[in-house]
Amino acid sequence: MSEYSLGDAMKAFLDKSRLKSGIKALQIEQVWAQVMGKTIAKYTDKLEIVKQTLFIHTAVGPLKNELFYQKEKIIERINEAMGENVITTVVIK
C-alpha cells in the first residue's frame, strides 16, 4: 500500500468528484479582479464553470459587449492565472 499526502488525496478526490467545477469557479472568482480588473469584477454578478465553459453573468449591457469581444483574452488570462487549461469557452449572459 502506498502512502499519499493529504494534499494528494484531496486532489485525487476532487479530480473524480462533481465538486471540481464548483471549486474551480471559486478559484477563478478569487483571481477574477486581478485578471480582469476591479471595475469589471465589480459589475460581474456570477461566474460558473460547466465542462470547461466559463459562464459570466452581468446585467450591464456595455460590459456584456466588451466581454464578448474579449473572450479569447479571458480564456488566456484565466488559464494562465490557474496554471492549467481550465477554460476552453466563454459564454456571456
PDB file of N, CA and C in Angstrom:
ATOM      1  N   MET A   1       0.842  -1.181   0.000  1.00  0.00           N
ATOM      2  CA  MET A   1       0.000   0.000   0.000  1.00  0.00           C
ATOM      3  C   MET A   1       0.888   1.244   0.000  1.00  0.00           C
ATOM      4  N   SER A   2       0.625   2.151  -0.907  1.00  0.00           N
ATOM      5  CA  SER A   2       1.443   3.358  -0.982  1.00  0.00           C
ATOM      6  C   SER A   2       0.856   4.447  -0.093  1.00  0.00           C
ATOM      7  N   GLU A   3       1.717   5.374   0.266  1.00  0.00           N
ATOM      8  CA  GLU A   3       1.289   6.468   1.127  1.00  0.00           C
ATOM      9  C   GLU A   3       1.032   7.717   0.280  1.00  0.00           C
ATOM     10  N   TYR A   4      -0.010   8.452   0.642  1.00  0.00           N
ATOM     11  CA  TYR A   4      -0.364   9.703  -0.026  1.00  0.00           C
ATOM     12  C   TYR A   4      -0.353  10.819   0.997  1.00  0.00           C
ATOM     13  N   SER A   5       0.041  11.982   0.549  1.00  0.00           N
ATOM     14  CA  SER A   5      -0.102  13.131   1.433  1.00  0.00           C
ATOM     15  C   SER A   5      -1.569  13.537   1.419  1.00  0.00           C
ATOM     16  N   LEU A   6      -1.977  14.288   2.388  1.00  0.00           N
ATOM     17  CA  LEU A   6      -3.358  14.750   2.453  1.00  0.00           C
ATOM     18  C   LEU A   6      -3.698  15.580   1.218  1.00  0.00           C
ATOM     19  N   GLY A   7      -2.760  16.418   0.781  1.00  0.00           N
ATOM     20  CA  GLY A   7      -2.982  17.241  -0.409  1.00  0.00           C
ATOM     21  C   GLY A   7      -3.192  16.393  -1.658  1.00  0.00           C
ATOM     22  N   ASP A   8      -2.390  15.329  -1.812  1.00  0.00           N
ATOM     23  CA  ASP A   8      -2.534  14.437  -2.974  1.00  0.00           C
ATOM     24  C   ASP A   8      -3.862  13.694  -2.927  1.00  0.00           C
ATOM     25  N   ALA A   9      -4.256  13.265  -1.740  1.00  0.00           N
ATOM     26  CA  ALA A   9      -5.529  12.554  -1.588  1.00  0.00           C
ATOM     27  C   ALA A   9      -6.705  13.476  -1.920  1.00  0.00           C
ATOM     28  N   MET A  10      -6.640  14.723  -1.453  1.00  0.00           N
ATOM     29  CA  MET A  10      -7.715  15.681  -1.745  1.00  0.00           C
ATOM     30  C   MET A  10      -7.781  15.985  -3.240  1.00  0.00           C
ATOM     31  N   LYS A  11      -6.617  16.146  -3.869  1.00  0.00           N
ATOM     32  CA  LYS A  11      -6.581  16.423  -5.310  1.00  0.00           C
ATOM     33  C   LYS A  11      -7.171  15.253  -6.091  1.00  0.00           C
ATOM     34  N   ALA A  12      -6.823  14.033  -5.721  1.00  0.00           N
ATOM     35  CA  ALA A  12      -7.361  12.845  -6.396  1.00  0.00           C
ATOM     36  C   ALA A  12      -8.872  12.765  -6.216  1.00  0.00           C
ATOM     37  N   PHE A  13      -9.350  13.054  -5.006  1.00  0.00           N
ATOM     38  CA  PHE A  13     -10.786  13.042  -4.742  1.00  0.00           C
ATOM     39  C   PHE A  13     -11.511  14.080  -5.591  1.00  0.00           C
ATOM     40  N   LEU A  14     -10.981  15.304  -5.621  1.00  0.00           N
ATOM     41  CA  LEU A  14     -11.626  16.386  -6.363  1.00  0.00           C
ATOM     42  C   LEU A  14     -11.613  16.142  -7.869  1.00  0.00           C
ATOM     43  N   ASP A  15     -10.551  15.514  -8.368  1.00  0.00           N
ATOM     44  CA  ASP A  15     -10.481  15.212  -9.798  1.00  0.00           C
ATOM     45  C   ASP A  15     -11.586  14.252 -10.228  1.00  0.00           C
ATOM     46  N   LYS A  16     -12.021  13.396  -9.310  1.00  0.00           N
ATOM     47  CA  LYS A  16     -13.052  12.414  -9.640  1.00  0.00           C
ATOM     48  C   LYS A  16     -14.444  12.828  -9.181  1.00  0.00           C
ATOM     49  N   SER A  17     -14.546  13.909  -8.464  1.00  0.00           N
ATOM     50  CA  SER A  17     -15.843  14.302  -7.911  1.00  0.00           C
ATOM     51  C   SER A  17     -16.524  15.357  -8.778  1.00  0.00           C
ATOM     52  N   ARG A  18     -17.817  15.509  -8.564  1.00  0.00           N
ATOM     53  CA  ARG A  18     -18.593  16.537  -9.270  1.00  0.00           C
ATOM     54  C   ARG A  18     -18.361  17.921  -8.676  1.00  0.00           C
ATOM     55  N   LEU A  19     -17.645  18.009  -7.594  1.00  0.00           N
ATOM     56  CA  LEU A  19     -17.352  19.289  -6.952  1.00  0.00           C
ATOM     57  C   LEU A  19     -16.256  20.059  -7.672  1.00  0.00           C
ATOM     58  N   LYS A  20     -15.544  19.398  -8.563  1.00  0.00           N
ATOM     59  CA  LYS A  20     -14.373  20.002  -9.195  1.00  0.00           C
ATOM     60  C   LYS A  20     -14.693  21.320  -9.890  1.00  0.00           C
ATOM     61  N   SER A  21     -15.772  21.366 -10.677  1.00  0.00           N
ATOM     62  CA  SER A  21     -16.077  22.601 -11.405  1.00  0.00           C
ATOM     63  C   SER A  21     -16.480  23.720 -10.447  1.00  0.00           C
ATOM     64  N   GLY A  22     -17.176  23.396  -9.377  1.00  0.00           N
ATOM     65  CA  GLY A  22     -17.548  24.408  -8.386  1.00  0.00           C
ATOM     66  C   GLY A  22     -16.338  24.991  -7.682  1.00  0.00           C
ATOM     67  N   ILE A  23     -15.380  24.140  -7.386  1.00  0.00           N
ATOM     68  CA  ILE A  23     -14.161  24.607  -6.726  1.00  0.00           C
ATOM     69  C   ILE A  23     -13.326  25.442  -7.686  1.00  0.00           C
ATOM     70  N   LYS A  24     -13.250  25.024  -8.940  1.00  0.00           N
ATOM     71  CA  LYS A  24     -12.529  25.815  -9.947  1.00  0.00           C
ATOM     72  C   LYS A  24     -13.186  27.183 -10.112  1.00  0.00           C
ATOM     73  N   ALA A  25     -14.515  27.233 -10.094  1.00  0.00           N
ATOM     74  CA  ALA A  25     -15.230  28.509 -10.204  1.00  0.00           C
ATOM     75  C   ALA A  25     -14.880  29.422  -9.024  1.00  0.00           C
ATOM     76  N   LEU A  26     -14.785  28.855  -7.832  1.00  0.00           N
ATOM     77  CA  LEU A  26     -14.407  29.652  -6.657  1.00  0.00           C
ATOM     78  C   LEU A  26     -12.982  30.171  -6.787  1.00  0.00           C
ATOM     79  N   GLN A  27     -12.087  29.324  -7.302  1.00  0.00           N
ATOM     80  CA  GLN A  27     -10.708  29.759  -7.500  1.00  0.00           C
ATOM     81  C   GLN A  27     -10.633  30.879  -8.532  1.00  0.00           C
ATOM     82  N   ILE A  28     -11.432  30.766  -9.594  1.00  0.00           N
ATOM     83  CA  ILE A  28     -11.456  31.815 -10.613  1.00  0.00           C
ATOM     84  C   ILE A  28     -12.015  33.109 -10.030  1.00  0.00           C
ATOM     85  N   GLU A  29     -13.052  33.015  -9.198  1.00  0.00           N
ATOM     86  CA  GLU A  29     -13.616  34.213  -8.561  1.00  0.00           C
ATOM     87  C   GLU A  29     -12.567  34.923  -7.715  1.00  0.00           C
ATOM     88  N   GLN A  30     -11.688  34.147  -7.079  1.00  0.00           N
ATOM     89  CA  GLN A  30     -10.654  34.742  -6.238  1.00  0.00           C
ATOM     90  C   GLN A  30      -9.640  35.543  -7.045  1.00  0.00           C
ATOM     91  N   VAL A  31      -9.347  35.126  -8.265  1.00  0.00           N
ATOM     92  CA  VAL A  31      -8.360  35.833  -9.088  1.00  0.00           C
ATOM     93  C   VAL A  31      -9.007  36.737 -10.137  1.00  0.00           C
ATOM     94  N   TRP A  32     -10.339  36.754 -10.215  1.00  0.00           N
ATOM     95  CA  TRP A  32     -11.068  37.492 -11.249  1.00  0.00           C
ATOM     96  C   TRP A  32     -10.700  38.978 -11.259  1.00  0.00           C
ATOM     97  N   ALA A  33     -10.663  39.615 -10.110  1.00  0.00           N
ATOM     98  CA  ALA A  33     -10.351  41.053 -10.045  1.00  0.00           C
ATOM     99  C   ALA A  33      -8.917  41.319 -10.487  1.00  0.00           C
ATOM    100  N   GLN A  34      -8.001  40.444 -10.154  1.00  0.00           N
ATOM    101  CA  GLN A  34      -6.606  40.614 -10.574  1.00  0.00           C
ATOM    102  C   GLN A  34      -6.465  40.419 -12.080  1.00  0.00           C
ATOM    103  N   VAL A  35      -7.182  39.443 -12.618  1.00  0.00           N
ATOM    104  CA  VAL A  35      -7.058  39.091 -14.025  1.00  0.00           C
ATOM    105  C   VAL A  35      -7.770  40.096 -14.920  1.00  0.00           C
ATOM    106  N   MET A  36      -8.982  40.503 -14.536  1.00  0.00           N
ATOM    107  CA  MET A  36      -9.812  41.349 -15.401  1.00  0.00           C
ATOM    108  C   MET A  36      -9.892  42.805 -14.944  1.00  0.00           C
ATOM    109  N   GLY A  37      -9.487  43.089 -13.742  1.00  0.00           N
ATOM    110  CA  GLY A  37      -9.552  44.456 -13.228  1.00  0.00           C
ATOM    111  C   GLY A  37     -10.720  44.630 -12.262  1.00  0.00           C
ATOM    112  N   LYS A  38     -10.577  45.583 -11.368  1.00  0.00           N
ATOM    113  CA  LYS A  38     -11.569  45.801 -10.319  1.00  0.00           C
ATOM    114  C   LYS A  38     -12.924  46.261 -10.856  1.00  0.00           C
ATOM    115  N   THR A  39     -12.921  47.084 -11.892  1.00  0.00           N
ATOM    116  CA  THR A  39     -14.184  47.600 -12.431  1.00  0.00           C
ATOM    117  C   THR A  39     -15.022  46.484 -13.034  1.00  0.00           C
ATOM    118  N   ILE A  40     -14.405  45.641 -13.835  1.00  0.00           N
ATOM    119  CA  ILE A  40     -15.132  44.516 -14.435  1.00  0.00           C
ATOM    120  C   ILE A  40     -15.608  43.572 -13.337  1.00  0.00           C
ATOM    121  N   ALA A  41     -14.753  43.291 -12.370  1.00  0.00           N
ATOM    122  CA  ALA A  41     -15.129  42.395 -11.270  1.00  0.00           C
ATOM    123  C   ALA A  41     -16.312  42.950 -10.480  1.00  0.00           C
ATOM    124  N   LYS A  42     -16.344  44.258 -10.316  1.00  0.00           N
ATOM    125  CA  LYS A  42     -17.424  44.898  -9.552  1.00  0.00           C
ATOM    126  C   LYS A  42     -18.788  44.697 -10.212  1.00  0.00           C
ATOM    127  N   TYR A  43     -18.832  44.716 -11.538  1.00  0.00           N
ATOM    128  CA  TYR A  43     -20.096  44.612 -12.258  1.00  0.00           C
ATOM    129  C   TYR A  43     -20.385  43.205 -12.795  1.00  0.00           C
ATOM    130  N   THR A  44     -19.571  42.251 -12.417  1.00  0.00           N
ATOM    131  CA  THR A  44     -19.826  40.855 -12.779  1.00  0.00           C
ATOM    132  C   THR A  44     -20.595  40.218 -11.633  1.00  0.00           C
ATOM    133  N   ASP A  45     -21.776  39.673 -11.930  1.00  0.00           N
ATOM    134  CA  ASP A  45     -22.636  39.130 -10.879  1.00  0.00           C
ATOM    135  C   ASP A  45     -22.250  37.723 -10.443  1.00  0.00           C
ATOM    136  N   LYS A  46     -21.925  36.860 -11.398  1.00  0.00           N
ATOM    137  CA  LYS A  46     -21.721  35.459 -11.068  1.00  0.00           C
ATOM    138  C   LYS A  46     -20.812  34.814 -12.101  1.00  0.00           C
ATOM    139  N   LEU A  47     -19.980  33.865 -11.654  1.00  0.00           N
ATOM    140  CA  LEU A  47     -19.137  33.069 -12.534  1.00  0.00           C
ATOM    141  C   LEU A  47     -19.460  31.597 -12.299  1.00  0.00           C
ATOM    142  N   GLU A  48     -19.638  30.846 -13.381  1.00  0.00           N
ATOM    143  CA  GLU A  48     -19.913  29.415 -13.284  1.00  0.00           C
ATOM    144  C   GLU A  48     -19.041  28.674 -14.288  1.00  0.00           C
ATOM    145  N   ILE A  49     -18.693  27.430 -13.974  1.00  0.00           N
ATOM    146  CA  ILE A  49     -17.971  26.575 -14.915  1.00  0.00           C
ATOM    147  C   ILE A  49     -18.774  25.306 -15.117  1.00  0.00           C
ATOM    148  N   VAL A  50     -19.026  24.977 -16.379  1.00  0.00           N
ATOM    149  CA  VAL A  50     -19.666  23.717 -16.744  1.00  0.00           C
ATOM    150  C   VAL A  50     -18.858  23.130 -17.887  1.00  0.00           C
ATOM    151  N   LYS A  51     -18.200  22.011 -17.629  1.00  0.00           N
ATOM    152  CA  LYS A  51     -17.404  21.302 -18.646  1.00  0.00           C
ATOM    153  C   LYS A  51     -16.470  22.235 -19.416  1.00  0.00           C
ATOM    154  N   GLN A  52     -15.609  22.899 -18.727  1.00  0.00           N
ATOM    155  CA  GLN A  52     -14.592  23.802 -19.280  1.00  0.00           C
ATOM    156  C   GLN A  52     -15.176  25.028 -19.994  1.00  0.00           C
ATOM    157  N   THR A  53     -16.430  25.338 -19.724  1.00  0.00           N
ATOM    158  CA  THR A  53     -17.052  26.557 -20.247  1.00  0.00           C
ATOM    159  C   THR A  53     -17.293  27.497 -19.075  1.00  0.00           C
ATOM    160  N   LEU A  54     -16.771  28.712 -19.187  1.00  0.00           N
ATOM    161  CA  LEU A  54     -16.962  29.724 -18.161  1.00  0.00           C
ATOM    162  C   LEU A  54     -18.167  30.578 -18.540  1.00  0.00           C
ATOM    163  N   PHE A  55     -19.169  30.610 -17.667  1.00  0.00           N
ATOM    164  CA  PHE A  55     -20.349  31.446 -17.847  1.00  0.00           C
ATOM    165  C   PHE A  55     -20.172  32.689 -16.984  1.00  0.00           C
ATOM    166  N   ILE A  56     -20.207  33.849 -17.622  1.00  0.00           N
ATOM    167  CA  ILE A  56     -20.051  35.116 -16.926  1.00  0.00           C
ATOM    168  C   ILE A  56     -21.401  35.825 -16.949  1.00  0.00           C
ATOM    169  N   HIS A  57     -21.947  36.105 -15.777  1.00  0.00           N
ATOM    170  CA  HIS A  57     -23.248  36.761 -15.666  1.00  0.00           C
ATOM    171  C   HIS A  57     -23.053  38.226 -15.271  1.00  0.00           C
ATOM    172  N   THR A  58     -23.693  39.121 -16.034  1.00  0.00           N
ATOM    173  CA  THR A  58     -23.685  40.536 -15.711  1.00  0.00           C
ATOM    174  C   THR A  58     -24.965  41.165 -16.256  1.00  0.00           C
ATOM    175  N   ALA A  59     -25.447  42.186 -15.581  1.00  0.00           N
ATOM    176  CA  ALA A  59     -26.655  42.885 -16.019  1.00  0.00           C
ATOM    177  C   ALA A  59     -26.323  44.174 -16.765  1.00  0.00           C
ATOM    178  N   VAL A  60     -25.051  44.472 -16.928  1.00  0.00           N
ATOM    179  CA  VAL A  60     -24.605  45.719 -17.553  1.00  0.00           C
ATOM    180  C   VAL A  60     -24.359  45.470 -19.048  1.00  0.00           C
ATOM    181  N   GLY A  61     -25.200  46.074 -19.882  1.00  0.00           N
ATOM    182  CA  GLY A  61     -25.133  45.872 -21.326  1.00  0.00           C
ATOM    183  C   GLY A  61     -23.791  46.184 -21.960  1.00  0.00           C
ATOM    184  N   PRO A  62     -23.226  47.370 -21.721  1.00  0.00           N
ATOM    185  CA  PRO A  62     -21.926  47.677 -22.325  1.00  0.00           C
ATOM    186  C   PRO A  62     -20.815  46.717 -21.888  1.00  0.00           C
ATOM    187  N   LEU A  63     -20.888  46.246 -20.645  1.00  0.00           N
ATOM    188  CA  LEU A  63     -19.893  45.285 -20.166  1.00  0.00           C
ATOM    189  C   LEU A  63     -20.037  43.956 -20.896  1.00  0.00           C
ATOM    190  N   LYS A  64     -21.285  43.524 -21.127  1.00  0.00           N
ATOM    191  CA  LYS A  64     -21.516  42.297 -21.897  1.00  0.00           C
ATOM    192  C   LYS A  64     -20.858  42.396 -23.263  1.00  0.00           C
ATOM    193  N   ASN A  65     -21.043  43.538 -23.906  1.00  0.00           N
ATOM    194  CA  ASN A  65     -20.466  43.762 -25.227  1.00  0.00           C
ATOM    195  C   ASN A  65     -18.937  43.718 -25.175  1.00  0.00           C
ATOM    196  N   GLU A  66     -18.355  44.378 -24.203  1.00  0.00           N
ATOM    197  CA  GLU A  66     -16.899  44.397 -24.048  1.00  0.00           C
ATOM    198  C   GLU A  66     -16.350  42.998 -23.785  1.00  0.00           C
ATOM    199  N   LEU A  67     -17.005  42.251 -22.887  1.00  0.00           N
ATOM    200  CA  LEU A  67     -16.562  40.895 -22.583  1.00  0.00           C
ATOM    201  C   LEU A  67     -16.705  39.971 -23.787  1.00  0.00           C
ATOM    202  N   PHE A  68     -17.752  40.185 -24.578  1.00  0.00           N
ATOM    203  CA  PHE A  68     -17.965  39.377 -25.770  1.00  0.00           C
ATOM    204  C   PHE A  68     -16.760  39.463 -26.713  1.00  0.00           C
ATOM    205  N   TYR A  69     -16.225  40.664 -26.875  1.00  0.00           N
ATOM    206  CA  TYR A  69     -15.090  40.857 -27.772  1.00  0.00           C
ATOM    207  C   TYR A  69     -13.755  40.442 -27.155  1.00  0.00           C
ATOM    208  N   GLN A  70     -13.735  40.177 -25.863  1.00  0.00           N
ATOM    209  CA  GLN A  70     -12.505  39.783 -25.178  1.00  0.00           C
ATOM    210  C   GLN A  70     -12.479  38.305 -24.797  1.00  0.00           C
ATOM    211  N   LYS A  71     -13.340  37.483 -25.356  1.00  0.00           N
ATOM    212  CA  LYS A  71     -13.445  36.078 -24.961  1.00  0.00           C
ATOM    213  C   LYS A  71     -12.100  35.345 -25.009  1.00  0.00           C
ATOM    214  N   GLU A  72     -11.382  35.466 -26.100  1.00  0.00           N
ATOM    215  CA  GLU A  72     -10.098  34.760 -26.236  1.00  0.00           C
ATOM    216  C   GLU A  72      -9.093  35.241 -25.190  1.00  0.00           C
ATOM    217  N   LYS A  73      -9.077  36.520 -24.938  1.00  0.00           N
ATOM    218  CA  LYS A  73      -8.169  37.090 -23.934  1.00  0.00           C
ATOM    219  C   LYS A  73      -8.545  36.605 -22.528  1.00  0.00           C
ATOM    220  N   ILE A  74      -9.838  36.492 -22.257  1.00  0.00           N
ATOM    221  CA  ILE A  74     -10.307  35.996 -20.958  1.00  0.00           C
ATOM    222  C   ILE A  74      -9.837  34.556 -20.762  1.00  0.00           C
ATOM    223  N   ILE A  75     -10.021  33.724 -21.781  1.00  0.00           N
ATOM    224  CA  ILE A  75      -9.589  32.318 -21.695  1.00  0.00           C
ATOM    225  C   ILE A  75      -8.095  32.251 -21.411  1.00  0.00           C
ATOM    226  N   GLU A  76      -7.332  33.027 -22.151  1.00  0.00           N
ATOM    227  CA  GLU A  76      -5.880  33.044 -21.995  1.00  0.00           C
ATOM    228  C   GLU A  76      -5.472  33.477 -20.584  1.00  0.00           C
ATOM    229  N   ARG A  77      -6.060  34.561 -20.098  1.00  0.00           N
ATOM    230  CA  ARG A  77      -5.705  35.094 -18.779  1.00  0.00           C
ATOM    231  C   ARG A  77      -6.096  34.149 -17.648  1.00  0.00           C
ATOM    232  N   ILE A  78      -7.298  33.586 -17.728  1.00  0.00           N
ATOM    233  CA  ILE A  78      -7.760  32.672 -16.666  1.00  0.00           C
ATOM    234  C   ILE A  78      -6.879  31.432 -16.619  1.00  0.00           C
ATOM    235  N   ASN A  79      -6.624  30.835 -17.765  1.00  0.00           N
ATOM    236  CA  ASN A  79      -5.791  29.631 -17.806  1.00  0.00           C
ATOM    237  C   ASN A  79      -4.383  29.910 -17.299  1.00  0.00           C
ATOM    238  N   GLU A  80      -3.854  31.071 -17.629  1.00  0.00           N
ATOM    239  CA  GLU A  80      -2.524  31.442 -17.145  1.00  0.00           C
ATOM    240  C   GLU A  80      -2.533  31.621 -15.626  1.00  0.00           C
ATOM    241  N   ALA A  81      -3.551  32.279 -15.104  1.00  0.00           N
ATOM    242  CA  ALA A  81      -3.647  32.505 -13.658  1.00  0.00           C
ATOM    243  C   ALA A  81      -3.847  31.198 -12.889  1.00  0.00           C
ATOM    244  N   MET A  82      -4.568  30.250 -13.494  1.00  0.00           N
ATOM    245  CA  MET A  82      -4.842  28.970 -12.828  1.00  0.00           C
ATOM    246  C   MET A  82      -3.691  27.975 -13.005  1.00  0.00           C
ATOM    247  N   GLY A  83      -2.822  28.224 -13.961  1.00  0.00           N
ATOM    248  CA  GLY A  83      -1.690  27.331 -14.178  1.00  0.00           C
ATOM    249  C   GLY A  83      -2.038  26.062 -14.938  1.00  0.00           C
ATOM    250  N   GLU A  84      -3.215  26.004 -15.516  1.00  0.00           N
ATOM    251  CA  GLU A  84      -3.648  24.851 -16.309  1.00  0.00           C
ATOM    252  C   GLU A  84      -4.787  25.286 -17.225  1.00  0.00           C
ATOM    253  N   ASN A  85      -5.118  24.466 -18.205  1.00  0.00           N
ATOM    254  CA  ASN A  85      -6.191  24.789 -19.127  1.00  0.00           C
ATOM    255  C   ASN A  85      -7.539  24.409 -18.512  1.00  0.00           C
ATOM    256  N   VAL A  86      -8.089  25.327 -17.752  1.00  0.00           N
ATOM    257  CA  VAL A  86      -9.353  25.125 -17.066  1.00  0.00           C
ATOM    258  C   VAL A  86     -10.533  25.495 -17.975  1.00  0.00           C
ATOM    259  N   ILE A  87     -10.346  26.537 -18.786  1.00  0.00           N
ATOM    260  CA  ILE A  87     -11.411  27.098 -19.601  1.00  0.00           C
ATOM    261  C   ILE A  87     -11.069  26.959 -21.084  1.00  0.00           C
ATOM    262  N   THR A  88     -12.047  26.510 -21.879  1.00  0.00           N
ATOM    263  CA  THR A  88     -11.874  26.470 -23.331  1.00  0.00           C
ATOM    264  C   THR A  88     -12.868  27.373 -24.046  1.00  0.00           C
ATOM    265  N   THR A  89     -13.965  27.715 -23.371  1.00  0.00           N
ATOM    266  CA  THR A  89     -15.036  28.520 -23.963  1.00  0.00           C
ATOM    267  C   THR A  89     -15.567  29.503 -22.929  1.00  0.00           C
ATOM    268  N   VAL A  90     -15.981  30.689 -23.404  1.00  0.00           N
ATOM    269  CA  VAL A  90     -16.600  31.681 -22.526  1.00  0.00           C
ATOM    270  C   VAL A  90     -17.963  32.033 -23.083  1.00  0.00           C
ATOM    271  N   VAL A  91     -18.968  32.070 -22.193  1.00  0.00           N
ATOM    272  CA  VAL A  91     -20.329  32.465 -22.554  1.00  0.00           C
ATOM    273  C   VAL A  91     -20.706  33.644 -21.671  1.00  0.00           C
ATOM    274  N   ILE A  92     -21.164  34.718 -22.315  1.00  0.00           N
ATOM    275  CA  ILE A  92     -21.564  35.920 -21.571  1.00  0.00           C
ATOM    276  C   ILE A  92     -23.088  35.914 -21.468  1.00  0.00           C
ATOM    277  N   LYS A  93     -23.598  36.035 -20.243  1.00  0.00           N
ATOM    278  CA  LYS A  93     -25.048  36.062 -20.018  1.00  0.00           C
ATOM    279  C   LYS A  93     -25.444  37.322 -19.299  1.00  0.00           C
TER     280      LYS A  93
END
